[in-house]
Protein backbone atom coordinates (compact mmCIF):
# COMPACT_ATOMS: atom_id res chain seq x y z
CA MET A 1 0.05 -0.10 -0.05
CA ARG A 2 1.01 3.89 -0.45
CA LEU A 3 0.08 6.39 1.77
CA VAL A 4 0.51 10.31 0.91
CA PHE A 5 0.58 12.47 3.95
CA VAL A 6 0.15 16.00 4.47
CA THR A 7 1.80 17.58 7.14
CA GLN A 8 3.09 21.37 8.18
CA ALA A 9 7.04 20.56 8.91
CA ILE A 10 9.54 17.44 9.27
CA ASP A 11 11.19 19.04 12.05
CA ALA A 12 12.28 16.81 14.60
CA ASP A 13 13.47 19.79 17.05
CA HIS A 14 9.99 21.83 16.20
CA PRO A 15 7.95 21.94 19.84
CA ASN A 16 5.02 20.56 18.44
CA LEU A 17 5.36 18.72 15.68
CA ALA A 18 8.12 16.28 16.34
CA ALA A 19 6.25 13.86 17.53
CA THR A 20 4.96 13.70 14.22
CA ILE A 21 8.34 11.63 13.08
CA ASP A 22 6.93 9.07 15.64
CA MET A 23 4.01 8.64 13.64
CA LEU A 24 5.37 8.42 10.36
CA ARG A 25 7.97 6.02 10.97
CA ALA A 26 4.99 3.61 12.17
CA LEU A 27 2.95 3.97 9.20
CA ALA A 28 6.34 3.00 7.14
CA ALA A 29 6.70 -0.26 8.66
CA ARG A 30 2.85 -0.67 7.11
CA PHE A 31 3.21 0.87 4.16
CA ASP A 32 5.20 -0.15 0.90
CA HIS A 33 6.48 3.87 0.53
CA VAL A 34 5.13 7.19 2.15
CA GLU A 35 4.95 9.72 0.59
CA VAL A 36 5.00 13.17 2.40
CA VAL A 37 3.82 16.71 1.37
CA THR A 38 5.18 19.94 3.81
CA ASP A 39 6.41 22.77 3.65
CA ARG A 40 9.94 22.15 4.87
CA VAL A 41 12.09 18.99 5.81
CA LEU A 42 14.26 19.39 8.51
CA ARG A 43 16.22 16.70 10.93
CA HIS A 44 14.35 13.75 10.90
CA ASP A 45 15.75 9.90 11.17
CA LEU A 46 13.27 8.37 8.77
CA PRO A 47 13.54 5.35 6.38
CA ALA A 48 14.10 5.02 2.94
CA ASN A 49 10.49 4.22 2.27
CA VAL A 50 9.68 7.39 2.88
CA SER A 51 9.81 10.38 0.35
CA PHE A 52 9.37 13.97 0.55
CA ARG A 53 7.77 16.84 -1.50
CA THR A 54 7.95 20.05 -0.35
CA PHE A 55 5.93 23.54 -0.92
CA GLY A 56 7.58 26.26 1.04
CA ALA A 57 7.93 29.48 -0.54
CA PRO A 58 7.97 33.04 0.05
CA GLY A 59 4.25 34.42 0.08
CA ARG A 60 0.78 32.90 -0.49
CA ALA A 61 0.05 33.02 -3.28
CA ARG A 62 3.09 31.11 -4.53
CA ARG A 63 3.16 28.83 -1.30
CA LEU A 64 -0.40 27.77 -2.91
CA ALA A 65 0.66 27.61 -6.20
CA ARG A 66 3.29 24.82 -4.61
CA PHE A 67 1.00 23.62 -2.63
CA LEU A 68 -1.27 22.30 -5.29
CA GLY A 69 1.68 21.41 -7.54
CA ALA A 70 2.71 19.20 -4.75
CA ILE A 71 -0.30 17.41 -4.05
CA ARG A 72 -1.48 17.01 -8.10
CA GLY A 73 2.08 14.77 -8.34
CA ALA A 74 1.65 13.06 -4.98
CA LEU A 75 -1.87 11.86 -6.42
CA SER A 76 -0.79 10.97 -10.21
CA ALA A 77 0.30 7.70 -9.24
CA ARG A 78 -3.06 7.10 -7.51
CA PRO A 79 -2.13 5.87 -3.74
CA ASP A 80 -3.97 3.86 -1.66
CA ALA A 81 -5.15 6.99 0.30
CA LEU A 82 -4.43 10.70 1.50
CA LEU A 83 -4.20 11.66 5.20
CA ALA A 84 -3.76 14.99 6.04
CA HIS A 85 -2.38 16.14 9.80
CA MET A 86 -4.16 18.22 12.19
CA VAL A 87 -4.95 21.28 9.03
CA PRO A 88 -8.19 20.80 7.90
CA VAL A 89 -7.34 22.94 4.84
CA TYR A 90 -5.05 20.40 2.92
CA VAL A 91 -8.29 18.03 2.95
CA VAL A 92 -10.06 20.89 1.28
CA LEU A 93 -7.32 21.70 -1.11
CA SER A 94 -6.89 18.64 -1.88
CA TYR A 95 -9.90 17.33 -2.63
CA PRO A 96 -10.24 18.43 -6.42
CA PHE A 97 -7.40 15.95 -6.88
CA ALA A 98 -8.17 13.13 -4.82
CA ARG A 99 -11.98 13.02 -5.46
CA PRO A 100 -11.34 12.04 -9.77
CA ARG A 101 -8.29 9.52 -8.90
CA ARG A 102 -10.78 7.99 -6.16
CA VAL A 103 -8.58 8.10 -3.74
CA PRO A 104 -9.82 8.44 -0.06
CA ILE A 105 -8.89 11.54 2.21
CA LEU A 106 -8.58 10.88 5.71
CA LEU A 107 -8.05 13.61 8.16
CA TRP A 108 -6.29 13.26 11.34
CA TYR A 109 -7.47 15.71 13.92
CA THR A 110 -7.65 16.61 17.66
CA HIS A 111 -8.48 19.81 18.88
CA TRP A 112 -11.55 21.40 20.60
CA ARG A 113 -11.30 24.51 18.14
CA SER A 114 -13.76 24.50 15.15
CA ASP A 115 -14.30 26.69 12.14
CA VAL A 116 -15.35 27.04 8.87
CA SER A 117 -12.26 25.20 6.99
CA LEU A 118 -12.69 21.84 9.50
CA ARG A 119 -16.65 21.57 9.07
CA MET A 120 -15.53 21.52 4.89
CA ALA A 121 -12.69 19.47 5.59
CA THR A 122 -15.17 16.69 7.29
CA ARG A 123 -17.74 16.79 4.43
CA LEU A 124 -15.75 16.68 1.58
CA ALA A 125 -13.04 13.55 3.92
CA ASP A 126 -14.19 10.21 3.80
CA ALA A 127 -12.95 9.63 7.71
CA VAL A 128 -11.69 11.47 10.57
CA LEU A 129 -9.57 10.31 12.71
CA THR A 130 -9.03 11.60 16.29
CA VAL A 131 -8.19 10.72 19.30
CA ASP A 132 -11.35 9.85 21.42
CA ARG A 133 -14.94 11.42 20.45
CA ARG A 134 -14.95 14.07 22.68
CA SER A 135 -11.49 15.03 21.11
CA PHE A 136 -13.42 15.73 17.91
CA PRO A 137 -15.79 19.35 17.82
CA LEU A 138 -18.19 17.94 15.28
CA ASP A 139 -20.86 15.40 15.38
CA SER A 140 -20.04 12.98 12.51
CA PRO A 141 -20.63 9.30 11.27
CA LYS A 142 -17.27 9.63 9.90
CA VAL A 143 -15.38 9.81 13.01
CA ARG A 144 -13.18 7.05 13.90
CA PRO A 145 -11.41 7.56 17.64
CA ILE A 146 -8.19 5.42 17.27
CA GLY A 147 -6.31 6.80 20.32
CA HIS A 148 -3.01 8.93 20.59
CA GLY A 149 0.19 7.50 18.80
CA ILE A 150 2.99 7.45 21.72
CA ASP A 151 6.01 6.03 20.69
CA LEU A 152 6.65 3.91 23.88
CA SER A 153 9.86 2.76 23.12
CA ARG A 154 10.99 6.47 24.05
CA PHE A 155 9.78 7.03 27.74
CA SER A 156 10.54 4.86 30.57
CA PRO A 157 9.78 5.18 34.65
CA GLY A 158 12.90 7.35 36.12
CA ASN A 159 14.23 7.56 39.29
CA ARG A 160 12.75 9.68 41.74
CA ASN A 161 13.45 10.24 44.98
CA GLY A 162 14.20 13.90 47.03
CA THR A 163 11.70 16.67 47.19
CA VAL A 164 8.57 15.68 45.08
CA SER A 165 8.49 17.16 41.92
CA PHE A 166 5.67 18.49 39.38
CA VAL A 167 5.91 19.55 35.96
CA ALA A 168 3.82 21.25 33.61
CA LEU A 169 4.45 20.99 29.58
CA GLY A 170 2.78 22.45 26.90
CA ARG A 171 2.13 26.11 25.07
CA THR A 172 1.43 28.67 27.51
CA GLN A 173 -2.25 29.34 25.81
CA PRO A 174 -4.89 30.34 28.24
CA TRP A 175 -7.20 27.55 28.22
CA LYS A 176 -4.51 25.19 29.06
CA GLY A 177 -5.10 26.55 32.59
CA LEU A 178 -1.40 27.67 34.12
CA GLU A 179 -2.91 29.84 35.68
CA THR A 180 -4.69 27.49 37.76
CA VAL A 181 -1.50 25.58 38.39
CA LEU A 182 0.13 28.22 39.75
CA ARG A 183 -2.78 29.33 42.40
CA GLY A 184 -3.57 25.70 43.22
CA PHE A 185 0.90 25.30 43.75
CA GLU A 186 0.49 28.17 46.06
CA LEU A 187 -2.40 27.21 48.27
CA ALA A 188 -0.59 23.78 48.50
CA ALA A 189 2.50 25.78 49.68
CA ARG A 190 0.72 27.65 52.15
CA ASP A 191 -0.63 24.43 54.15
CA GLY A 192 2.92 23.15 54.24
CA LEU A 193 3.52 21.51 50.66
CA ASP A 194 6.96 20.69 50.17
CA ALA A 195 7.71 20.47 46.44
CA ARG A 196 8.83 21.82 43.45
CA LEU A 197 7.31 23.00 39.98
CA GLU A 198 7.94 23.22 36.57
CA ILE A 199 6.68 24.76 33.70
CA ARG A 200 8.32 23.96 30.26
CA GLY A 201 6.76 24.95 26.91
CA PRO A 202 6.81 27.29 23.59
CA GLN A 203 5.03 30.51 22.86
CA LEU A 204 4.42 30.61 19.36
CA THR A 205 1.81 33.17 19.05
CA ASP A 206 1.92 36.74 20.90
CA GLU A 207 -1.34 35.72 23.12
CA GLU A 208 1.11 32.75 24.61
CA ARG A 209 4.12 35.58 24.82
CA ARG A 210 1.96 37.52 26.68
CA HIS A 211 0.19 34.91 28.99
CA ARG A 212 3.91 33.54 30.03
CA ALA A 213 4.84 37.38 30.97
CA GLU A 214 1.34 37.30 32.98
CA LEU A 215 2.46 34.24 34.66
CA GLU A 216 6.12 35.25 35.73
CA ARG A 217 4.74 38.04 37.89
CA LEU A 218 2.28 36.23 39.16
CA VAL A 219 5.36 34.03 40.26
CA SER A 220 7.49 36.53 40.82
CA ALA A 221 5.33 38.28 43.43
CA SER A 222 4.31 35.16 45.66
CA PRO A 223 6.67 34.41 48.14
CA GLU A 224 5.04 30.11 48.23
CA LEU A 225 6.26 30.34 44.52
CA ARG A 226 9.09 32.69 43.67
CA ASP A 227 11.77 30.13 45.35
CA ARG A 228 9.46 26.69 43.70
CA VAL A 229 8.37 27.43 40.45
CA ARG A 230 10.30 27.45 37.10
CA ILE A 231 9.24 28.84 33.68
CA GLY A 232 11.40 27.83 31.33
CA ASP A 233 11.48 27.43 27.28
CA ALA A 234 10.10 24.39 25.60
CA VAL A 235 12.77 21.22 25.46
CA GLY A 236 13.58 19.40 22.65
CA ARG A 237 11.90 16.09 21.73
CA GLU A 238 14.63 14.13 22.73
CA ARG A 239 14.57 16.20 26.15
CA VAL A 240 10.70 15.41 26.95
CA ALA A 241 11.36 11.82 28.01
CA ASP A 242 14.51 13.15 30.55
CA LEU A 243 12.29 15.73 32.19
CA LEU A 244 9.03 13.80 32.54
CA GLY A 245 11.35 10.71 34.18
CA SER A 246 13.00 13.49 36.69
CA SER A 247 9.40 14.35 37.66
CA ASP A 248 6.94 13.16 40.19
CA ALA A 249 3.60 13.85 38.23
CA LEU A 250 2.65 15.68 35.54
CA VAL A 251 -0.31 18.58 36.10
CA SER A 252 -2.59 19.34 33.60
CA ALA A 253 -5.10 21.65 34.32
CA ALA A 254 -6.08 21.76 30.10
CA HIS A 255 -9.74 22.37 29.59
CA THR A 256 -13.08 23.77 27.90
CA ALA A 257 -15.96 24.93 29.49
CA GLY A 258 -18.49 22.02 28.02
CA GLY A 259 -18.57 20.58 24.84
CA PRO A 260 -15.45 19.02 22.72
CA GLN A 261 -12.00 18.67 24.50
CA ALA A 262 -8.47 18.92 23.42
CA LEU A 263 -6.55 15.76 24.93
CA ASP A 264 -2.77 17.18 25.02
CA LYS A 265 -0.49 14.56 24.38
CA VAL A 266 2.07 14.71 26.93
CA VAL A 267 -0.77 13.61 29.75
CA TYR A 268 0.02 10.28 27.36
CA GLU A 269 3.40 10.98 27.32
CA ALA A 270 3.82 11.64 31.01
CA SER A 271 1.89 8.22 31.30
CA ALA A 272 4.34 6.38 28.86
CA ALA A 273 7.13 7.10 31.37
CA ALA A 274 4.85 5.70 34.06
CA LEU A 275 4.20 9.30 35.98
CA PRO A 276 0.89 9.71 37.08
CA VAL A 277 -0.98 12.55 35.81
CA ILE A 278 -2.90 15.27 37.53
CA ALA A 279 -5.79 16.99 35.35
CA CYS A 280 -8.95 18.29 35.45
CA ASN A 281 -10.07 17.22 31.75
CA PRO A 282 -13.53 15.45 31.72
CA ALA A 283 -12.76 13.66 29.23
CA LEU A 284 -9.64 11.46 31.07
CA ALA A 285 -11.89 10.94 33.96
CA GLU A 286 -12.68 7.23 32.59
CA TYR A 287 -8.94 6.99 31.76
CA LEU A 288 -7.53 8.35 35.44
CA HIS A 289 -10.57 5.71 37.44
CA GLY A 290 -9.29 3.70 39.21
CA LEU A 291 -6.14 4.16 40.60
CA ALA A 292 -4.00 3.49 43.30
CA LEU A 293 -4.36 7.42 43.81
CA GLU A 294 -7.17 9.96 43.04
CA LEU A 295 -5.55 11.87 40.33
CA ARG A 296 -8.73 14.65 39.40
CA PHE A 297 -9.92 17.58 40.33
CA ARG A 298 -12.16 19.87 39.31
CA PRO A 299 -11.78 22.15 36.44
CA GLY A 300 -10.40 25.40 37.04
CA ASP A 301 -10.72 24.71 40.79
CA PRO A 302 -6.89 26.07 42.20
CA HIS A 303 -8.65 24.53 46.09
CA ASP A 304 -9.45 21.43 44.65
CA LEU A 305 -5.76 21.31 43.09
CA ALA A 306 -4.31 21.90 46.40
CA GLU A 307 -5.85 19.19 47.96
CA ARG A 308 -4.80 16.92 45.26
CA LEU A 309 -0.96 18.00 45.58
CA ARG A 310 -0.84 17.93 48.59
CA ALA A 311 -2.37 14.31 48.59
CA PHE A 312 -0.14 13.12 46.28
CA ALA A 313 2.68 14.21 48.20
CA ALA A 314 2.19 12.33 51.59
CA ALA A 315 1.45 9.19 49.58
CA PRO A 316 3.14 6.57 50.32
CA PRO A 317 5.91 6.04 46.93
CA GLU A 318 4.99 2.88 45.95
CA GLU A 319 1.04 4.16 45.65
CA ARG A 320 2.61 6.71 43.45
CA ALA A 321 4.67 3.94 41.29
CA ARG A 322 1.30 1.78 41.28
CA ALA A 323 -0.52 4.57 39.32
CA GLY A 324 2.23 5.28 37.27
CA GLU A 325 2.29 1.52 36.11
CA GLU A 326 -0.98 1.44 35.47
CA LEU A 327 -1.13 4.20 33.42
CA ARG A 328 1.24 3.00 31.30
CA ARG A 329 -0.41 -0.15 30.75
CA ARG A 330 -3.46 1.73 29.49
CA VAL A 331 -1.36 3.51 27.31
CA GLU A 332 0.16 0.15 25.42
CA ALA A 333 -3.25 -0.71 25.73
CA GLY A 334 -4.77 1.82 22.95
CA HIS A 335 -2.65 4.66 22.70
CA SER A 336 0.76 3.55 21.48
CA VAL A 337 2.15 4.66 17.55
CA GLU A 338 2.19 1.03 16.67
CA SER A 339 -1.93 0.95 17.76
CA TRP A 340 -2.19 4.22 15.83
CA ALA A 341 -0.78 3.32 12.94
CA ASP A 342 -2.61 -0.47 12.22
CA ALA A 343 -6.12 1.46 12.96
CA VAL A 344 -4.88 4.07 9.82
CA GLY A 345 -4.12 1.25 8.35
CA ALA A 346 -7.09 -0.78 8.81
CA VAL A 347 -9.44 2.22 7.86
CA VAL A 348 -7.37 2.22 4.60
CA ARG A 349 -7.93 -0.90 3.82
CA GLU A 350 -11.59 -0.72 4.52
CA LEU A 351 -12.10 2.78 2.37
CA ARG A 352 -10.25 0.91 -0.76
CA GLY A 353 -12.70 -2.16 -0.65
CA ARG A 354 -15.63 -0.23 -0.80
């Protein structure tokens, strides 16, 4: 089988897109050839049966022309399917070339935001792949929940001793709830929590840069936070596993008020490192249910988070370890990059067999 994969960039050093390389490597093990259409190709370690067509160019008009030319060329040999990664407009632009050749179009999308391009792409695509039905913002019979694609070989339990260390990873977007994380940690510290918190993530927009500045001001103004919290830049793909392995728990306050929920990949990466995940996202309620420790807190509630942080720090290390080990088993069962790529292959075969 042959697959065309359309994505923004191939770059092992990109703070958001580096994990795409893990997905592509797993797909390359299941397809005879994977042709990637992308803006640019930088550092990667993909196998020889992955090839590239780039459309990067100065100016929107020239870039669009190069994209259309790349798609036309990639589809000329009538591959078994085209998979668009996270950008709905790729589906819209590819449709006029894929439809006459009867090439099925798949969209991988996991986010709570919806716009005109996503609604149009959902109508045009043959299937929409996502982590969970709650991680796709539109109701459609085309939606196929297939889990996240986590490369478990990159993550392993670390050596966690000494002062309890919490970590929060991700872009500094307001909906990620990092202010709630700081407020909850501050309340817990006032009540005697002896712990450290590290916040790491990129700022790719002006809004994210402003929000990071707001978080830094909050830390500098608080005696409880000033010496216990570090806000730093994003770490590279290779260092994420080390950072998770040196922490005792991931804290995730990301949620949206009702409706679809984004299921942050870092939650499952932390689980792959056997790291307990303290989270408030309602879509994670089942995932975090029945563990050795209660790890859920109410969305947007720093007081409830403070209680959870204190309880976690007071729990015996063996209970924390059991919770982390069970989360790793859950990732292995439903969110590994192997199961993700198997599901993509199964959907392609189904669509080709119609």
